[in-house]
Amino acid sequence: MNKNSTNIMALAPKSSNKRDTVCIFGTGDFGRALGHKLIQSGYPVVFGSRSTQTSSLIPKGAEVMSHAEAAQKAAIIFIAIQRQHYNFLTSLAEILHGKVLVDISNNSKINEYPESNAEYLAQLVPGAKVVKAFNTVSAWALQSGTLDASRQVFVCGDDMAAKQLVMDIVRILGLTPLDQGSLLAAREIENYPLQLFPMWKFPILLSLGLTTFFFFYCLALDVIYPYVYQKKDFSFFIAITIPNKICPILALILLGLVYLPGVLAAIIQLYRGTKYRRFPDWLDKWMLCRKQLGLVALAFASVHVLYTLVIPIRSYVRWRTSDRIISQIQNNRTEPLNTTNAWLSDSYLALGILGFFLFVLLGITSLPSVSNNVNWREFRFVQSKLGYLTLILCTAHTLVYGGKWFLVPSSYKWYLPPVYMFSLIIPCSVLVVKFVLIFPCLDKPLTRIRQGWERNPQYSEQSNYIINKSAV
């Protein structure tokens, strides 16, 4: 065992509280926060800096030295500086030989350089053992004790002993290390903090596009049309009436889009006769963002519920109700209770309440803190069986409410169909196809395919060979 290996082993967690010195290159926000956290965990910390003057910002108990002096005092060095300042490390190559360099840097944009910062560091100091870690943790998270932030620390490196050492330090700091493999994974780890809700991009853009379309559609039928032909000003509908139409429509469409890719995947598997061929890329991406689509749909449904609750206190509704009552008094006329309408109204409300309750249940079970506490079968039951029941109830809720308008000619303003018809296209299509797929003549072969049976094994093996060869 050489001297450097001995230094690395010496830094492993010990039974006593005494720990070996850790060096940090850089006295910026993250370097100071990391130093403070290390000191709290019992590590002596020395900072390597261009200026050796001690600042009031430096954690109490830490020393500040030149880079060369600080590097000689520790076997592990955290590189808390930007990539563009790495060049000075080449002059320290002899001192850094055999030491563990933990690269914690990030870039300003995804794939900013041809290679990752950690790989670039390994090229500059080939004798060092480079490990990528801590770049997904913020200085604020370290300063706040990670109570309100993610505890996950992605770690990768080519030297197993060096990587294990860093992971042990991560655990001692109260964080959770995730081994991502060799240093080749550093590029992906460095891109991770730069991603802005990658799985939310499609659901949000789709929701914005559909919201814009339905807003102008409702604006034309509910505001512009009455003004043109009846000279009535219903512009105030923009505040509540139109949003209260758009929200349930988008909630139902997005909920249908959550289950549509599963139906399409089943059709593709039946057609191919195997599950061992990849789905098209667009379907893969669609299936990966189903959770986000469902949560956006739940948000629209929740807003719809709030809008519905305030309807009785609206000035327009109170005026219309009082005007109707006064009209009945003046004409000395009362309207008897229409039990059919009463049934439709109660059914519409009951379906909406039950549908929204199950919708909320789906959203709750999709949260990591909840989904981690249920097994796979329970999670699948809630998300699949209860999910389709939710889709049925919400579709029925819309049909009972707007079904009576579909056959009324006056509801087709400018020959355009009522807006509720658009919300039923995708959900009804999904439910019809799903109903067909549960027939035994289709369900049994689909179940066998998903259990590994293949209609044409030779063709499937050839496809797998082609896929595997292209991935090499």
Protein backbone atom coordinates (compact mmCIF):
# COMPACT_ATOMS: atom_id res chain seq x y z
CA MET A 1 0.00 0.00 0.00
CA ASN A 2 1.50 3.33 -1.06
CA LYS A 3 1.51 6.58 0.87
CA ASN A 4 -1.44 8.12 -1.00
CA SER A 5 -3.62 5.07 -0.44
CA THR A 6 -2.74 5.25 3.24
CA ASN A 7 -3.86 8.91 3.33
CA ILE A 8 -7.15 8.05 1.67
CA MET A 9 -7.84 5.18 4.06
CA ALA A 10 -7.02 7.44 6.98
CA LEU A 11 -9.90 9.72 6.03
CA ALA A 12 -12.47 6.94 6.29
CA PRO A 13 -15.02 7.33 9.11
CA LYS A 14 -13.57 6.49 12.50
CA SER A 15 -15.13 5.41 15.72
CA SER A 16 -13.72 8.46 17.52
CA ASN A 17 -14.77 12.04 16.92
CA LYS A 18 -11.35 13.06 15.60
CA ARG A 19 -11.23 13.38 11.83
CA ASP A 20 -8.50 14.23 9.36
CA THR A 21 -8.10 17.62 7.73
CA VAL A 22 -10.11 18.47 4.63
CA CYS A 23 -8.98 21.12 2.14
CA ILE A 24 -11.25 23.43 0.14
CA PHE A 25 -9.99 25.42 -2.82
CA GLY A 26 -12.14 28.54 -3.04
CA THR A 27 -13.69 30.86 -0.49
CA GLY A 28 -16.92 31.65 -2.33
CA ASP A 29 -20.44 31.09 -1.05
CA PHE A 30 -20.46 27.34 -1.57
CA GLY A 31 -16.90 26.83 -0.31
CA ARG A 32 -17.67 28.69 2.91
CA ALA A 33 -20.98 26.85 3.40
CA LEU A 34 -19.31 23.48 2.82
CA GLY A 35 -16.48 24.39 5.20
CA HIS A 36 -18.96 25.40 7.88
CA LYS A 37 -20.83 22.09 7.48
CA LEU A 38 -17.59 20.08 7.61
CA ILE A 39 -16.47 21.87 10.78
CA GLN A 40 -19.86 21.14 12.37
CA SER A 41 -19.31 17.47 11.53
CA GLY A 42 -15.92 17.40 13.24
CA TYR A 43 -13.56 17.89 10.30
CA PRO A 44 -10.62 20.31 10.56
CA VAL A 45 -10.87 22.52 7.47
CA VAL A 46 -8.19 24.47 5.65
CA PHE A 47 -8.98 26.83 2.76
CA GLY A 48 -6.67 27.27 -0.22
CA SER A 49 -6.99 30.79 -1.60
CA ARG A 50 -5.14 33.40 -3.64
CA SER A 51 -5.36 35.71 -0.64
CA THR A 52 -4.21 34.31 2.69
CA GLN A 53 -5.79 37.10 4.71
CA THR A 54 -8.50 35.78 7.01
CA SER A 55 -11.92 37.28 6.32
CA SER A 56 -14.83 37.56 8.72
CA LEU A 57 -16.83 35.45 6.23
CA ILE A 58 -14.56 32.44 6.68
CA PRO A 59 -16.08 29.87 9.07
CA LYS A 60 -14.72 30.10 12.59
CA GLY A 61 -12.03 27.51 13.22
CA ALA A 62 -10.88 27.22 9.59
CA GLU A 63 -7.42 28.20 8.36
CA VAL A 64 -6.65 30.11 5.15
CA MET A 65 -3.42 29.31 3.31
CA SER A 66 -2.00 29.38 -0.17
CA HIS A 67 -3.18 26.63 -2.50
CA ALA A 68 0.11 24.73 -2.27
CA GLU A 69 0.28 24.86 1.54
CA ALA A 70 -3.38 23.90 1.96
CA ALA A 71 -3.07 20.97 -0.48
CA GLN A 72 -0.16 19.52 1.48
CA LYS A 73 -2.24 19.35 4.67
CA ALA A 74 -5.03 17.12 3.31
CA ALA A 75 -5.56 14.01 1.20
CA ILE A 76 -8.94 15.18 -0.05
CA ILE A 77 -9.47 18.56 -1.69
CA PHE A 78 -12.81 20.09 -2.67
CA ILE A 79 -12.46 22.21 -5.82
CA ALA A 80 -15.02 24.98 -5.16
CA ILE A 81 -13.99 27.23 -8.05
CA GLN A 82 -15.23 27.76 -11.60
CA ARG A 83 -13.83 25.76 -14.51
CA GLN A 84 -12.23 28.80 -16.14
CA HIS A 85 -9.92 29.11 -13.11
CA TYR A 86 -8.68 25.50 -13.16
CA ASN A 87 -5.46 26.24 -15.08
CA PHE A 88 -3.44 27.11 -11.95
CA LEU A 89 -3.89 23.50 -10.80
CA THR A 90 -1.36 22.29 -13.38
CA SER A 91 1.40 24.00 -11.41
CA LEU A 92 0.31 21.95 -8.38
CA ALA A 93 0.29 18.64 -10.25
CA GLU A 94 3.12 17.17 -8.19
CA ILE A 95 1.48 18.12 -4.87
CA LEU A 96 -1.95 16.90 -6.01
CA HIS A 97 -0.63 13.56 -7.27
CA GLY A 98 -2.59 10.72 -5.63
CA LYS A 99 -4.96 13.05 -3.78
CA VAL A 100 -8.74 12.98 -4.11
CA LEU A 101 -10.07 16.03 -5.95
CA VAL A 102 -13.82 16.54 -5.52
CA ASP A 103 -15.15 18.66 -8.37
CA ILE A 104 -18.31 20.50 -7.29
CA SER A 105 -18.59 22.98 -10.17
CA ASN A 106 -21.52 23.69 -12.46
CA ASN A 107 -21.83 25.45 -15.81
CA SER A 108 -24.04 28.30 -16.92
CA LYS A 109 -25.80 26.23 -19.61
CA ILE A 110 -26.29 22.60 -20.57
CA ASN A 111 -23.41 20.97 -22.51
CA GLU A 112 -21.42 24.19 -22.43
CA TYR A 113 -18.11 22.38 -23.03
CA PRO A 114 -17.14 19.30 -25.08
CA GLU A 115 -16.34 17.37 -21.89
CA SER A 116 -17.58 17.60 -18.33
CA ASN A 117 -15.77 19.81 -15.82
CA ALA A 118 -14.70 16.75 -13.85
CA GLU A 119 -13.20 15.08 -16.93
CA TYR A 120 -11.41 18.33 -17.79
CA LEU A 121 -10.03 18.44 -14.25
CA ALA A 122 -8.81 14.85 -14.59
CA GLN A 123 -6.99 15.83 -17.81
CA LEU A 124 -5.29 18.79 -16.12
CA VAL A 125 -4.16 16.75 -13.11
CA PRO A 126 -3.80 13.18 -14.41
CA GLY A 127 -2.17 11.94 -11.23
CA ALA A 128 -5.13 12.91 -9.03
CA LYS A 129 -8.25 10.87 -8.30
CA VAL A 130 -11.15 13.00 -9.46
CA VAL A 131 -14.65 12.52 -8.05
CA LYS A 132 -17.73 14.50 -9.07
CA ALA A 133 -20.05 15.37 -6.17
CA PHE A 134 -21.99 18.11 -4.32
CA ASN A 135 -22.86 20.08 -7.47
CA THR A 136 -26.59 19.33 -6.98
CA VAL A 137 -26.58 20.78 -3.44
CA SER A 138 -26.86 24.53 -2.95
CA ALA A 139 -24.97 26.68 -0.46
CA TRP A 140 -28.32 27.61 1.08
CA ALA A 141 -29.13 23.92 1.66
CA LEU A 142 -25.85 23.42 3.52
CA GLN A 143 -26.32 26.57 5.59
CA SER A 144 -29.91 25.71 6.54
CA GLY A 145 -28.96 22.22 7.63
CA THR A 146 -30.69 20.63 4.58
CA LEU A 147 -33.95 20.67 6.51
CA ASP A 148 -35.94 22.22 3.67
CA ALA A 149 -33.96 21.00 0.67
CA SER A 150 -33.02 17.85 -1.18
CA ARG A 151 -30.53 15.63 0.64
CA GLN A 152 -29.44 13.73 -2.46
CA VAL A 153 -25.82 14.05 -3.60
CA PHE A 154 -24.89 12.46 -6.93
CA VAL A 155 -21.39 10.96 -6.87
CA CYS A 156 -19.32 9.49 -9.70
CA GLY A 157 -15.67 8.63 -10.23
CA ASP A 158 -13.31 6.07 -11.70
CA ASP A 159 -11.45 5.25 -8.45
CA MET A 160 -13.68 3.15 -6.20
CA ALA A 161 -11.77 3.92 -2.97
CA ALA A 162 -11.85 7.66 -3.63
CA LYS A 163 -15.53 7.57 -4.52
CA GLN A 164 -16.35 5.57 -1.39
CA LEU A 165 -14.45 8.09 0.71
CA VAL A 166 -16.50 10.96 -0.69
CA MET A 167 -19.74 9.03 -0.16
CA ASP A 168 -18.76 8.42 3.48
CA ILE A 169 -18.21 12.16 3.97
CA VAL A 170 -21.60 12.82 2.37
CA ARG A 171 -23.26 10.53 4.91
CA ILE A 172 -21.41 12.13 7.82
CA LEU A 173 -22.72 15.53 6.67
CA GLY A 174 -26.27 14.16 6.94
CA LEU A 175 -26.84 13.84 3.19
CA THR A 176 -27.71 10.88 0.98
CA PRO A 177 -25.11 9.79 -1.61
CA LEU A 178 -26.25 8.29 -4.91
CA ASP A 179 -23.57 6.37 -6.80
CA GLN A 180 -23.87 7.23 -10.50
CA GLY A 181 -20.95 5.10 -11.68
CA SER A 182 -17.79 6.18 -13.47
CA LEU A 183 -16.63 9.69 -14.28
CA LEU A 184 -18.41 9.43 -17.62
CA ALA A 185 -21.61 10.20 -15.71
CA ALA A 186 -20.23 13.61 -14.66
CA ARG A 187 -21.64 15.29 -17.77
CA GLU A 188 -25.16 14.17 -16.93
CA ILE A 189 -24.74 15.12 -13.27
CA GLU A 190 -23.54 18.61 -14.25
CA ASN A 191 -26.52 19.06 -16.58
CA TYR A 192 -29.01 18.03 -13.91
CA PRO A 193 -29.07 21.32 -11.90
CA LEU A 194 -29.45 23.31 -15.13
CA GLN A 195 -32.64 21.57 -16.19
CA LEU A 196 -35.78 23.61 -15.62
CA PHE A 197 -38.62 21.18 -14.93
CA PRO A 198 -37.72 18.89 -17.87
CA MET A 199 -40.79 16.65 -17.42
CA TRP A 200 -43.09 19.66 -17.06
CA LYS A 201 -42.21 21.38 -20.31
CA PHE A 202 -44.62 19.46 -22.56
CA PRO A 203 -47.60 19.51 -20.11
CA ILE A 204 -47.23 23.23 -19.45
CA LEU A 205 -46.81 24.20 -23.11
CA LEU A 206 -49.75 21.99 -24.08
CA SER A 207 -51.90 23.51 -21.32
CA LEU A 208 -51.00 27.04 -22.38
CA GLY A 209 -51.81 26.27 -26.02
CA LEU A 210 -55.17 24.68 -25.18
CA THR A 211 -56.01 27.48 -22.75
CA THR A 212 -55.37 30.09 -25.42
CA PHE A 213 -57.47 28.22 -28.00
CA PHE A 214 -60.46 27.66 -25.73
CA PHE A 215 -60.31 31.19 -24.33
CA PHE A 216 -60.74 32.77 -27.75
CA TYR A 217 -63.30 30.13 -28.71
CA CYS A 218 -65.43 30.92 -25.64
CA LEU A 219 -64.82 34.63 -26.12
CA ALA A 220 -66.25 34.44 -29.63
CA LEU A 221 -69.35 32.46 -28.64
CA ASP A 222 -70.16 33.97 -25.23
CA VAL A 223 -69.10 37.61 -25.61
CA ILE A 224 -68.67 38.63 -29.24
CA TYR A 225 -71.68 36.73 -30.62
CA PRO A 226 -74.25 38.27 -28.16
CA TYR A 227 -72.78 41.72 -28.74
CA VAL A 228 -72.99 41.43 -32.54
CA TYR A 229 -76.49 39.94 -32.80
CA GLN A 230 -78.20 41.02 -29.56
CA LYS A 231 -76.29 44.16 -28.60
CA LYS A 232 -75.69 42.73 -25.12
CA ASP A 233 -72.47 43.40 -23.24
CA PHE A 234 -71.30 40.20 -21.54
CA SER A 235 -67.65 41.20 -21.40
CA PHE A 236 -67.62 40.51 -17.64
CA PHE A 237 -67.85 36.80 -18.53
CA ILE A 238 -64.07 37.00 -19.04
CA ALA A 239 -63.52 37.07 -15.27
CA ILE A 240 -65.37 33.94 -14.11
CA THR A 241 -67.76 32.43 -16.67
CA ILE A 242 -65.18 31.74 -19.39
CA PRO A 243 -62.44 30.50 -17.01
CA ASN A 244 -65.01 28.23 -15.36
CA LYS A 245 -65.62 26.67 -18.77
CA ILE A 246 -61.96 26.39 -19.72
CA CYS A 247 -60.78 24.78 -16.46
CA PRO A 248 -63.06 21.69 -16.50
CA ILE A 249 -62.50 21.24 -20.23
CA LEU A 250 -58.72 21.24 -19.84
CA ALA A 251 -58.91 19.03 -16.74
CA LEU A 252 -60.87 16.39 -18.64
CA ILE A 253 -58.75 16.59 -21.80
CA LEU A 254 -55.47 16.34 -19.86
CA LEU A 255 -56.83 13.46 -17.77
CA GLY A 256 -57.70 11.67 -21.01
CA LEU A 257 -54.18 12.34 -22.28
CA VAL A 258 -52.79 10.65 -19.16
CA TYR A 259 -54.37 7.32 -20.15
CA LEU A 260 -54.26 7.65 -23.93
CA PRO A 261 -50.55 6.64 -24.28
CA GLY A 262 -51.21 3.45 -22.29
CA VAL A 263 -53.97 2.52 -24.71
CA LEU A 264 -51.74 3.29 -27.70
CA ALA A 265 -48.92 1.22 -26.16
CA ALA A 266 -51.29 -1.75 -25.80
CA ILE A 267 -52.35 -1.47 -29.44
CA ILE A 268 -48.72 -1.32 -30.59
CA GLN A 269 -47.80 -4.37 -28.51
CA LEU A 270 -50.74 -6.33 -29.90
CA TYR A 271 -49.78 -5.36 -33.42
CA ARG A 272 -46.10 -6.27 -32.96
CA GLY A 273 -46.77 -9.36 -30.87
CA THR A 274 -43.91 -8.60 -28.47
CA LYS A 275 -42.93 -6.28 -25.64
CA TYR A 276 -39.22 -6.42 -26.44
CA ARG A 277 -39.24 -3.67 -29.05
CA ARG A 278 -38.97 -0.04 -28.11
CA PHE A 279 -41.93 2.28 -28.48
CA PRO A 280 -41.54 5.32 -30.74
CA ASP A 281 -39.64 8.16 -29.09
CA TRP A 282 -42.70 10.43 -28.99
CA LEU A 283 -44.67 7.76 -27.13
CA ASP A 284 -41.79 7.14 -24.70
CA LYS A 285 -41.59 10.85 -23.86
CA TRP A 286 -45.36 11.07 -23.58
CA MET A 287 -45.52 8.17 -21.11
CA LEU A 288 -42.73 9.66 -19.00
CA CYS A 289 -44.67 12.89 -18.41
CA ARG A 290 -48.04 11.32 -17.57
CA LYS A 291 -47.62 12.18 -13.89
CA GLN A 292 -47.08 15.84 -14.72
CA LEU A 293 -50.07 15.84 -17.10
CA GLY A 294 -52.23 14.43 -14.32
CA LEU A 295 -51.08 17.00 -11.78
CA VAL A 296 -51.74 19.87 -14.20
CA ALA A 297 -55.19 18.40 -14.85
CA LEU A 298 -55.81 18.25 -11.10
CA ALA A 299 -54.80 21.92 -10.80
CA PHE A 300 -57.38 22.91 -13.43
CA ALA A 301 -60.03 20.77 -11.73
CA SER A 302 -59.29 22.42 -8.38
CA VAL A 303 -59.63 25.91 -9.88
CA HIS A 304 -62.94 24.81 -11.45
CA VAL A 305 -64.21 23.78 -8.01
CA LEU A 306 -63.27 27.16 -6.54
CA TYR A 307 -64.93 29.05 -9.39
CA THR A 308 -68.08 26.95 -8.97
CA LEU A 309 -68.26 27.68 -5.24
CA VAL A 310 -68.32 31.45 -5.80
CA ILE A 311 -71.08 31.35 -8.43
CA PRO A 312 -73.95 32.05 -5.94
CA ILE A 313 -72.33 35.31 -4.77
CA ARG A 314 -71.79 36.69 -8.27
CA SER A 315 -73.66 39.92 -9.00
CA TYR A 316 -74.89 38.59 -12.36
CA VAL A 317 -76.30 35.41 -10.80
CA ARG A 318 -78.01 37.31 -7.96
CA TRP A 319 -79.52 39.74 -10.49
CA ARG A 320 -80.77 36.94 -12.71
CA THR A 321 -82.32 35.11 -9.75
CA SER A 322 -84.06 38.20 -8.38
CA ASP A 323 -85.26 39.19 -11.87
CA ARG A 324 -86.79 35.76 -12.33
CA ILE A 325 -88.53 35.92 -8.96
CA ILE A 326 -89.93 39.41 -9.66
CA SER A 327 -91.13 38.24 -13.08
CA GLN A 328 -93.02 35.35 -11.50
CA ILE A 329 -94.61 37.66 -8.93
CA GLN A 330 -95.72 40.15 -11.57
CA ASN A 331 -97.24 37.41 -13.71
CA ASN A 332 -98.69 35.63 -10.67
CA ARG A 333 -97.11 32.45 -11.93
CA THR A 334 -95.01 29.75 -10.31
CA GLU A 335 -93.12 26.94 -11.94
CA PRO A 336 -93.65 23.44 -10.56
CA LEU A 337 -90.63 21.32 -9.65
CA ASN A 338 -89.24 19.49 -12.65
CA THR A 339 -88.08 16.18 -11.21
CA THR A 340 -86.18 15.33 -14.40
CA ASN A 341 -84.10 18.47 -14.15
CA ALA A 342 -83.67 17.87 -10.42
CA TRP A 343 -82.32 14.38 -11.11
CA LEU A 344 -79.98 15.69 -13.78
CA SER A 345 -78.73 18.47 -11.53
CA ASP A 346 -78.13 16.18 -8.55
CA SER A 347 -76.51 13.54 -10.76
CA TYR A 348 -74.24 16.13 -12.32
CA LEU A 349 -73.14 17.40 -8.91
CA ALA A 350 -72.71 13.91 -7.44
CA LEU A 351 -70.60 12.74 -10.38
CA GLY A 352 -68.48 15.88 -10.12
CA ILE A 353 -67.91 15.45 -6.37
CA LEU A 354 -66.99 11.76 -6.68
CA GLY A 355 -64.80 12.41 -9.70
CA PHE A 356 -62.94 15.23 -7.98
CA PHE A 357 -62.47 13.14 -4.81
CA LEU A 358 -60.82 10.33 -6.80
CA PHE A 359 -58.86 12.92 -8.79
CA VAL A 360 -57.38 14.27 -5.54
CA LEU A 361 -56.65 10.70 -4.41
CA LEU A 362 -54.70 10.08 -7.62
CA GLY A 363 -52.72 13.26 -7.07
CA ILE A 364 -51.90 12.37 -3.47
CA THR A 365 -50.68 8.86 -4.34
CA SER A 366 -48.38 10.28 -7.03
CA LEU A 367 -46.40 12.19 -4.38
CA PRO A 368 -43.07 10.47 -3.62
CA SER A 369 -43.69 10.49 0.14
CA VAL A 370 -46.92 8.52 -0.42
CA SER A 371 -45.95 6.32 -3.38
CA ASN A 372 -42.84 5.13 -1.51
CA ASN A 373 -45.08 3.69 1.22
CA VAL A 374 -47.24 1.51 -1.06
CA ASN A 375 -46.20 -1.55 -2.99
CA TRP A 376 -46.26 -1.83 -6.76
CA ARG A 377 -49.63 -3.58 -6.91
CA GLU A 378 -51.32 -1.00 -4.68
CA PHE A 379 -49.85 1.88 -6.67
CA ARG A 380 -50.96 0.31 -9.95
CA PHE A 381 -54.47 -0.30 -8.59
CA VAL A 382 -54.87 3.34 -7.60
CA GLN A 383 -53.30 4.85 -10.72
CA SER A 384 -54.87 2.43 -13.21
CA LYS A 385 -58.16 1.04 -11.88
CA LEU A 386 -59.20 4.09 -9.88
CA GLY A 387 -57.73 6.30 -12.58
CA TYR A 388 -60.06 4.92 -15.22
CA LEU A 389 -62.96 5.17 -12.76
CA THR A 390 -62.06 8.84 -12.28
CA LEU A 391 -62.05 9.34 -16.04
CA ILE A 392 -65.47 7.67 -16.32
CA LEU A 393 -66.98 9.82 -13.56
CA CYS A 394 -65.56 13.07 -14.91
CA THR A 395 -66.69 12.23 -18.45
CA ALA A 396 -70.17 11.37 -17.18
CA HIS A 397 -70.17 14.63 -15.18
CA THR A 398 -69.57 16.58 -18.40
CA LEU A 399 -72.10 14.55 -20.40
CA VAL A 400 -74.88 15.08 -17.87
CA TYR A 401 -74.13 18.81 -17.67
CA GLY A 402 -73.69 19.61 -21.36
CA GLY A 403 -75.37 16.70 -23.10
CA LYS A 404 -78.71 18.50 -23.37
CA TRP A 405 -77.13 21.28 -25.43
CA PHE A 406 -75.68 19.00 -28.10
CA LEU A 407 -79.02 18.59 -29.93
CA VAL A 408 -80.24 22.17 -29.47
CA PRO A 409 -79.72 24.15 -32.73
CA SER A 410 -79.49 27.49 -30.89
CA SER A 411 -76.36 26.28 -29.07
CA TYR A 412 -74.46 26.13 -32.38
CA LYS A 413 -73.54 29.79 -32.68
CA TRP A 414 -71.90 30.64 -35.99
CA TYR A 415 -72.34 26.91 -36.73
CA LEU A 416 -69.67 26.16 -34.13
CA PRO A 417 -70.30 23.25 -31.71
CA PRO A 418 -70.63 23.89 -27.97
CA VAL A 419 -67.25 24.02 -26.29
CA TYR A 420 -68.05 21.03 -24.08
CA MET A 421 -68.06 18.77 -27.12
CA PHE A 422 -64.31 19.26 -27.51
CA SER A 423 -63.66 18.04 -23.97
CA LEU A 424 -65.36 14.71 -24.65
CA ILE A 425 -63.47 13.65 -27.78
CA ILE A 426 -60.30 12.30 -26.14
CA PRO A 427 -61.84 10.85 -22.93
CA CYS A 428 -64.62 9.05 -24.82
CA SER A 429 -62.13 7.70 -27.35
CA VAL A 430 -59.89 6.38 -24.56
CA LEU A 431 -62.78 4.75 -22.73
CA VAL A 432 -64.17 3.13 -25.89
CA VAL A 433 -60.80 1.68 -26.91
CA LYS A 434 -60.09 0.55 -23.33
CA PHE A 435 -63.51 -1.15 -23.25
CA VAL A 436 -62.64 -3.02 -26.44
CA LEU A 437 -59.22 -4.03 -25.08
CA ILE A 438 -60.73 -5.74 -22.03
CA PHE A 439 -62.53 -8.26 -24.27
CA PRO A 440 -60.98 -11.70 -23.61
CA CYS A 441 -59.99 -12.11 -27.26
CA LEU A 442 -57.65 -9.11 -26.88
CA ASP A 443 -56.94 -9.02 -23.16
CA LYS A 444 -55.56 -12.57 -22.97
CA PRO A 445 -52.96 -12.21 -25.76
CA LEU A 446 -52.00 -8.76 -24.45
CA THR A 447 -51.46 -10.20 -20.96
CA ARG A 448 -49.34 -13.02 -22.42
CA ILE A 449 -47.25 -10.52 -24.41
CA ARG A 450 -46.60 -8.42 -21.31
CA GLN A 451 -45.54 -11.60 -19.48
CA GLY A 452 -42.89 -12.30 -22.12
CA TRP A 453 -44.70 -14.31 -24.83
CA GLU A 454 -43.80 -13.38 -28.42
CA ARG A 455 -45.71 -14.03 -31.59
CA ASN A 456 -42.53 -14.07 -33.67
CA PRO A 457 -39.49 -14.68 -31.42
CA GLN A 458 -37.03 -14.84 -34.32
CA TYR A 459 -38.04 -11.38 -35.56
CA SER A 460 -37.92 -10.01 -32.02
CA GLU A 461 -34.44 -11.42 -31.41
CA GLN A 462 -33.24 -9.83 -34.64
CA SER A 463 -34.72 -6.47 -33.58
CA ASN A 464 -33.06 -6.70 -30.17
CA TYR A 465 -29.74 -7.48 -31.86
CA ILE A 466 -30.08 -4.41 -34.08
CA ILE A 467 -31.02 -2.19 -31.12
CA ASN A 468 -28.18 -3.51 -28.99
CA LYS A 469 -25.65 -3.11 -31.80
CA SER A 470 -26.74 0.48 -32.43
CA ALA A 471 -26.32 1.25 -28.72
CA VAL A 472 -22.69 0.04 -28.66
